[in-house]
Amino acid sequence: MGETLSDACAREMEEETGIKIQVLELINAYDMIVPDEAGKMKYHYVLIDFLARPVGGTERSSVEVLEMKWVTYEEAKQMEMTNSARKALQELFGSTGP
């Protein structure tokens, strides 16, 4: 309570990866609604993506992080990811990238 979204982003990033970041701007917010087999609501996530840059820390994985690596936009486009993550990349870099 009382923590801003950008402060929560920076805290979560450091907790889960060991990387300290400076949050630069909000990219977008998304609803990810997952129905169950009967079509009723099973999960409803609100995903908030920020543009940030690393400013320190030491890379390390937590129990919530299966794999971590730095990639180019071209490499990222080829990776398996959620639709919302792909949408965030396209909104940030456009269809052609940086």
Protein backbone atom coordinates (compact mmCIF):
# COMPACT_ATOMS: atom_id res chain seq x y z
CA MET A 1 0.00 0.00 0.00
CA GLY A 2 1.36 3.41 -0.94
CA GLU A 3 3.87 2.04 -3.47
CA THR A 4 3.66 3.58 -6.94
CA LEU A 5 3.43 1.31 -9.98
CA SER A 6 6.89 2.34 -11.17
CA ASP A 7 8.38 1.75 -7.69
CA ALA A 8 6.73 -1.68 -7.62
CA CYS A 9 8.19 -2.44 -11.05
CA ALA A 10 11.71 -1.53 -9.91
CA ARG A 11 11.35 -3.51 -6.68
CA GLU A 12 10.01 -6.61 -8.44
CA MET A 13 12.75 -6.46 -11.06
CA GLU A 14 15.45 -6.37 -8.40
CA GLU A 15 13.79 -9.07 -6.30
CA GLU A 16 13.37 -11.44 -9.24
CA THR A 17 16.55 -10.76 -11.25
CA GLY A 18 18.99 -8.86 -9.03
CA ILE A 19 19.03 -6.03 -11.59
CA LYS A 20 18.38 -2.47 -10.42
CA ILE A 21 16.49 -0.38 -12.95
CA GLN A 22 15.43 3.16 -13.61
CA VAL A 23 11.84 3.16 -14.85
CA LEU A 24 11.55 5.55 -17.79
CA GLU A 25 7.93 5.39 -18.91
CA LEU A 26 4.75 3.37 -19.00
CA ILE A 27 4.36 1.42 -22.26
CA ASN A 28 0.85 0.07 -21.77
CA ALA A 29 -1.50 -1.91 -19.54
CA TYR A 30 -3.21 -5.11 -20.66
CA ASP A 31 -5.92 -7.44 -19.44
CA MET A 32 -5.13 -11.14 -19.73
CA ILE A 33 -8.39 -12.99 -19.16
CA VAL A 34 -8.18 -16.79 -19.00
CA PRO A 35 -11.42 -18.78 -19.08
CA ASP A 36 -11.77 -22.29 -17.70
CA GLU A 37 -13.00 -25.27 -19.74
CA ALA A 38 -16.63 -24.20 -19.23
CA GLY A 39 -15.91 -20.67 -20.44
CA LYS A 40 -16.17 -19.10 -16.98
CA MET A 41 -13.54 -16.76 -15.62
CA LYS A 42 -10.53 -18.69 -14.29
CA TYR A 43 -7.92 -15.91 -14.08
CA HIS A 44 -7.85 -12.19 -14.79
CA TYR A 45 -4.42 -10.60 -14.77
CA VAL A 46 -3.66 -6.93 -15.29
CA LEU A 47 -0.21 -6.63 -16.89
CA ILE A 48 1.59 -3.30 -16.83
CA ASP A 49 4.67 -2.89 -19.03
CA PHE A 50 7.28 -0.21 -18.42
CA LEU A 51 10.31 0.90 -20.40
CA ALA A 52 13.32 0.85 -18.08
CA ARG A 53 17.09 0.78 -18.19
CA PRO A 54 19.48 -1.17 -15.98
CA VAL A 55 21.46 0.96 -13.52
CA GLY A 56 23.19 -1.64 -11.34
CA GLY A 57 22.89 -4.84 -9.39
CA THR A 58 24.12 -8.33 -10.12
CA GLU A 59 22.16 -10.71 -12.35
CA ARG A 60 20.70 -13.67 -10.49
CA SER A 61 17.60 -15.77 -10.97
CA SER A 62 14.94 -16.19 -8.32
CA VAL A 63 12.45 -19.05 -8.01
CA GLU A 64 10.11 -17.04 -10.27
CA VAL A 65 12.67 -16.69 -13.09
CA LEU A 66 13.38 -19.76 -15.21
CA GLU A 67 15.82 -18.12 -17.61
CA MET A 68 17.32 -14.68 -18.04
CA LYS A 69 19.39 -13.24 -20.91
CA TRP A 70 19.92 -10.01 -22.82
CA VAL A 71 18.74 -10.15 -26.43
CA THR A 72 18.35 -7.82 -29.38
CA TYR A 73 14.92 -6.87 -30.67
CA GLU A 74 15.42 -9.20 -33.64
CA GLU A 75 16.25 -12.10 -31.29
CA ALA A 76 13.31 -11.24 -29.03
CA LYS A 77 10.88 -11.37 -31.97
CA GLN A 78 11.87 -15.00 -32.57
CA MET A 79 11.33 -16.06 -28.94
CA GLU A 80 8.29 -17.82 -27.57
CA MET A 81 6.29 -15.35 -25.46
CA THR A 82 2.79 -14.39 -24.45
CA ASN A 83 0.66 -12.34 -26.82
CA SER A 84 0.79 -9.42 -24.40
CA ALA A 85 4.61 -9.49 -24.32
CA ARG A 86 4.71 -9.56 -28.13
CA LYS A 87 2.24 -6.66 -28.24
CA ALA A 88 4.40 -4.66 -25.81
CA LEU A 89 7.48 -5.18 -28.02
CA GLN A 90 5.58 -4.08 -31.11
CA GLU A 91 4.24 -0.98 -29.34
CA LEU A 92 7.69 -0.07 -28.08
CA PHE A 93 9.68 -0.76 -31.26
CA GLY A 94 7.05 -0.92 -34.01
CA SER A 95 7.04 -3.65 -36.61
CA THR A 96 10.58 -2.92 -37.80
CA GLY A 97 12.33 -2.40 -34.47
CA PRO A 98 15.07 0.03 -33.45
